[in-house]
Amino acid sequence: EFWKPSAGAYKVKVLEEPREHEFVDKDGKKIPQWNLDIHNGEKEVTWTISKGQTLSSAYGQLILLGEANNGLKGINFTLLVKRSQNKNEYTITEAVELIKKKEVEIVKWCQERN
């Protein structure tokens, strides 16, 4: 069963490592995604996540969480979902500090090259 979270907070447990997936939209455009088997606090579901381009995307946050924990399988996290302009915004609370740390690393990297 596929899961599209609505606004709210969820306690999530990752059951397996993500699987690569490709969605083809009505115009034939291929959109790379992940299928992530999770327990969403109520039941086991598959959460489909588009591969975002930023650290703050759900994908970026999961990448950082996976890097910090040697993978995603077995990881527990809190997912906050906010509805904004007909679109969901995702925050993984355990990734917030990881994003800040990564941003500091990026700034330092840029400064070293100036």
C-alpha atoms as a PDB file:
ATOM      1  CA  GLU A   1       0.000   0.000   0.000  1.00  0.00           C
ATOM      2  CA  PHE A   2       1.349   3.399  -1.002  1.00  0.00           C
ATOM      3  CA  TRP A   3       1.294   6.276   1.474  1.00  0.00           C
ATOM      4  CA  LYS A   4       0.909   9.993   0.818  1.00  0.00           C
ATOM      5  CA  PRO A   5       1.135  11.691   4.197  1.00  0.00           C
ATOM      6  CA  SER A   6      -1.242  14.503   5.033  1.00  0.00           C
ATOM      7  CA  ALA A   7      -0.384  17.409   7.329  1.00  0.00           C
ATOM      8  CA  GLY A   8       0.679  16.252  10.780  1.00  0.00           C
ATOM      9  CA  ALA A   9       3.437  14.490  12.699  1.00  0.00           C
ATOM     10  CA  TYR A  10       4.404  10.840  12.212  1.00  0.00           C
ATOM     11  CA  LYS A  11       6.739   8.450  14.008  1.00  0.00           C
ATOM     12  CA  VAL A  12       8.368   6.532  11.166  1.00  0.00           C
ATOM     13  CA  LYS A  13      10.495   3.393  11.132  1.00  0.00           C
ATOM     14  CA  VAL A  14      12.351   2.457   7.953  1.00  0.00           C
ATOM     15  CA  LEU A  15      11.899  -1.252   7.204  1.00  0.00           C
ATOM     16  CA  GLU A  16      14.204  -1.640   4.182  1.00  0.00           C
ATOM     17  CA  GLU A  17      16.748   0.379   2.246  1.00  0.00           C
ATOM     18  CA  PRO A  18      15.130   2.519  -0.499  1.00  0.00           C
ATOM     19  CA  ARG A  19      14.476   1.093  -3.946  1.00  0.00           C
ATOM     20  CA  GLU A  20      15.127   3.135  -7.084  1.00  0.00           C
ATOM     21  CA  HIS A  21      11.988   3.907  -9.069  1.00  0.00           C
ATOM     22  CA  GLU A  22      11.159   6.027 -12.091  1.00  0.00           C
ATOM     23  CA  PHE A  23       7.797   7.710 -12.575  1.00  0.00           C
ATOM     24  CA  VAL A  24       6.781   8.740 -16.091  1.00  0.00           C
ATOM     25  CA  ASP A  25       4.391  11.689 -16.132  1.00  0.00           C
ATOM     26  CA  LYS A  26       1.670  12.360 -18.712  1.00  0.00           C
ATOM     27  CA  ASP A  27       4.174  14.220 -20.932  1.00  0.00           C
ATOM     28  CA  GLY A  28       6.598  11.302 -20.904  1.00  0.00           C
ATOM     29  CA  LYS A  29       9.049  13.025 -18.546  1.00  0.00           C
ATOM     30  CA  LYS A  30      10.914  10.559 -16.334  1.00  0.00           C
ATOM     31  CA  ILE A  31      11.070  11.518 -12.671  1.00  0.00           C
ATOM     32  CA  PRO A  32      13.574   9.609 -10.503  1.00  0.00           C
ATOM     33  CA  GLN A  33      12.122   8.499  -7.180  1.00  0.00           C
ATOM     34  CA  TRP A  34      12.664   6.239  -4.206  1.00  0.00           C
ATOM     35  CA  ASN A  35      10.203   3.703  -2.871  1.00  0.00           C
ATOM     36  CA  LEU A  36      10.777   3.450   0.880  1.00  0.00           C
ATOM     37  CA  ASP A  37       9.083   0.716   2.923  1.00  0.00           C
ATOM     38  CA  ILE A  38       8.212   2.161   6.321  1.00  0.00           C
ATOM     39  CA  HIS A  39       5.947   1.785   9.319  1.00  0.00           C
ATOM     40  CA  ASN A  40       4.148   5.126   9.626  1.00  0.00           C
ATOM     41  CA  GLY A  41       3.014   4.694  13.214  1.00  0.00           C
ATOM     42  CA  GLU A  42      -0.144   2.855  12.146  1.00  0.00           C
ATOM     43  CA  LYS A  43       0.828   0.307   9.500  1.00  0.00           C
ATOM     44  CA  GLU A  44       3.459  -0.816   7.011  1.00  0.00           C
ATOM     45  CA  VAL A  45       3.336   1.218   3.796  1.00  0.00           C
ATOM     46  CA  THR A  46       5.496   2.326   0.878  1.00  0.00           C
ATOM     47  CA  TRP A  47       6.341   6.020   0.757  1.00  0.00           C
ATOM     48  CA  THR A  48       7.338   7.263  -2.709  1.00  0.00           C
ATOM     49  CA  ILE A  49       9.767  10.186  -2.606  1.00  0.00           C
ATOM     50  CA  SER A  50      10.928  12.222  -5.572  1.00  0.00           C
ATOM     51  CA  LYS A  51      14.666  12.771  -5.698  1.00  0.00           C
ATOM     52  CA  GLY A  52      14.829  16.433  -4.708  1.00  0.00           C
ATOM     53  CA  GLN A  53      17.697  18.761  -5.506  1.00  0.00           C
ATOM     54  CA  THR A  54      18.215  20.335  -2.072  1.00  0.00           C
ATOM     55  CA  LEU A  55      19.291  19.280   1.409  1.00  0.00           C
ATOM     56  CA  SER A  56      15.913  20.423   2.727  1.00  0.00           C
ATOM     57  CA  SER A  57      13.922  18.132   0.396  1.00  0.00           C
ATOM     58  CA  ALA A  58      12.639  14.887   1.928  1.00  0.00           C
ATOM     59  CA  TYR A  59      15.162  13.078  -0.277  1.00  0.00           C
ATOM     60  CA  GLY A  60      18.044  15.321   0.867  1.00  0.00           C
ATOM     61  CA  GLN A  61      17.108  14.862   4.512  1.00  0.00           C
ATOM     62  CA  LEU A  62      16.935  11.084   4.095  1.00  0.00           C
ATOM     63  CA  ILE A  63      20.334  11.065   2.349  1.00  0.00           C
ATOM     64  CA  LEU A  64      21.875  12.894   5.313  1.00  0.00           C
ATOM     65  CA  LEU A  65      20.122  10.626   7.806  1.00  0.00           C
ATOM     66  CA  GLY A  66      21.374   7.559   5.926  1.00  0.00           C
ATOM     67  CA  GLU A  67      24.944   8.900   5.779  1.00  0.00           C
ATOM     68  CA  ALA A  68      24.913   9.551   9.529  1.00  0.00           C
ATOM     69  CA  ASN A  69      23.591   6.070  10.325  1.00  0.00           C
ATOM     70  CA  ASN A  70      25.268   3.781   7.771  1.00  0.00           C
ATOM     71  CA  GLY A  71      22.021   3.371   5.859  1.00  0.00           C
ATOM     72  CA  LEU A  72      18.338   3.880   6.502  1.00  0.00           C
ATOM     73  CA  LYS A  73      17.106   0.381   7.362  1.00  0.00           C
ATOM     74  CA  GLY A  74      16.000   0.224  10.987  1.00  0.00           C
ATOM     75  CA  ILE A  75      16.180   3.997  11.514  1.00  0.00           C
ATOM     76  CA  ASN A  76      13.386   5.729  13.432  1.00  0.00           C
ATOM     77  CA  PHE A  77      12.534   9.373  12.807  1.00  0.00           C
ATOM     78  CA  THR A  78       9.820  11.953  13.293  1.00  0.00           C
ATOM     79  CA  LEU A  79       8.309  13.305  10.077  1.00  0.00           C
ATOM     80  CA  LEU A  80       6.541  16.661  10.215  1.00  0.00           C
ATOM     81  CA  VAL A  81       4.310  17.391   7.220  1.00  0.00           C
ATOM     82  CA  LYS A  82       3.101  20.900   6.480  1.00  0.00           C
ATOM     83  CA  ARG A  83       0.733  21.711   3.623  1.00  0.00           C
ATOM     84  CA  SER A  84       1.761  24.850   1.742  1.00  0.00           C
ATOM     85  CA  GLN A  85       0.421  26.112  -1.603  1.00  0.00           C
ATOM     86  CA  ASN A  86      -1.057  22.733  -2.603  1.00  0.00           C
ATOM     87  CA  LYS A  87       2.235  21.016  -1.823  1.00  0.00           C
ATOM     88  CA  ASN A  88       3.590  19.101   1.162  1.00  0.00           C
ATOM     89  CA  GLU A  89       6.707  20.349   2.937  1.00  0.00           C
ATOM     90  CA  TYR A  90       8.586  17.686   4.904  1.00  0.00           C
ATOM     91  CA  THR A  91      10.822  18.074   7.932  1.00  0.00           C
ATOM     92  CA  ILE A  92      12.613  15.117   9.459  1.00  0.00           C
ATOM     93  CA  THR A  93      13.429  16.401  12.930  1.00  0.00           C
ATOM     94  CA  GLU A  94      16.512  14.175  13.256  1.00  0.00           C
ATOM     95  CA  ALA A  95      17.932  15.697  10.050  1.00  0.00           C
ATOM     96  CA  VAL A  96      17.680  19.365  11.083  1.00  0.00           C
ATOM     97  CA  GLU A  97      21.069  19.432  12.851  1.00  0.00           C
ATOM     98  CA  LEU A  98      22.615  17.350  10.060  1.00  0.00           C
ATOM     99  CA  ILE A  99      21.516  19.978   7.513  1.00  0.00           C
ATOM    100  CA  LYS A 100      23.023  22.794   9.589  1.00  0.00           C
ATOM    101  CA  LYS A 101      26.308  20.893   9.900  1.00  0.00           C
ATOM    102  CA  LYS A 102      26.411  20.175   6.159  1.00  0.00           C
ATOM    103  CA  GLU A 103      25.675  23.837   5.332  1.00  0.00           C
ATOM    104  CA  VAL A 104      28.600  24.915   7.544  1.00  0.00           C
ATOM    105  CA  GLU A 105      30.845  22.426   5.725  1.00  0.00           C
ATOM    106  CA  ILE A 106      29.734  23.804   2.352  1.00  0.00           C
ATOM    107  CA  VAL A 107      30.388  27.403   3.414  1.00  0.00           C
ATOM    108  CA  LYS A 108      33.880  26.461   4.658  1.00  0.00           C
ATOM    109  CA  TRP A 109      34.575  24.588   1.425  1.00  0.00           C
ATOM    110  CA  CYS A 110      33.564  27.647  -0.621  1.00  0.00           C
ATOM    111  CA  GLN A 111      35.613  30.023   1.548  1.00  0.00           C
ATOM    112  CA  GLU A 112      38.714  27.852   1.137  1.00  0.00           C
ATOM    113  CA  ARG A 113      38.452  28.248  -2.624  1.00  0.00           C
ATOM    114  CA  ASN A 114      38.124  32.052  -2.634  1.00  0.00           C
END
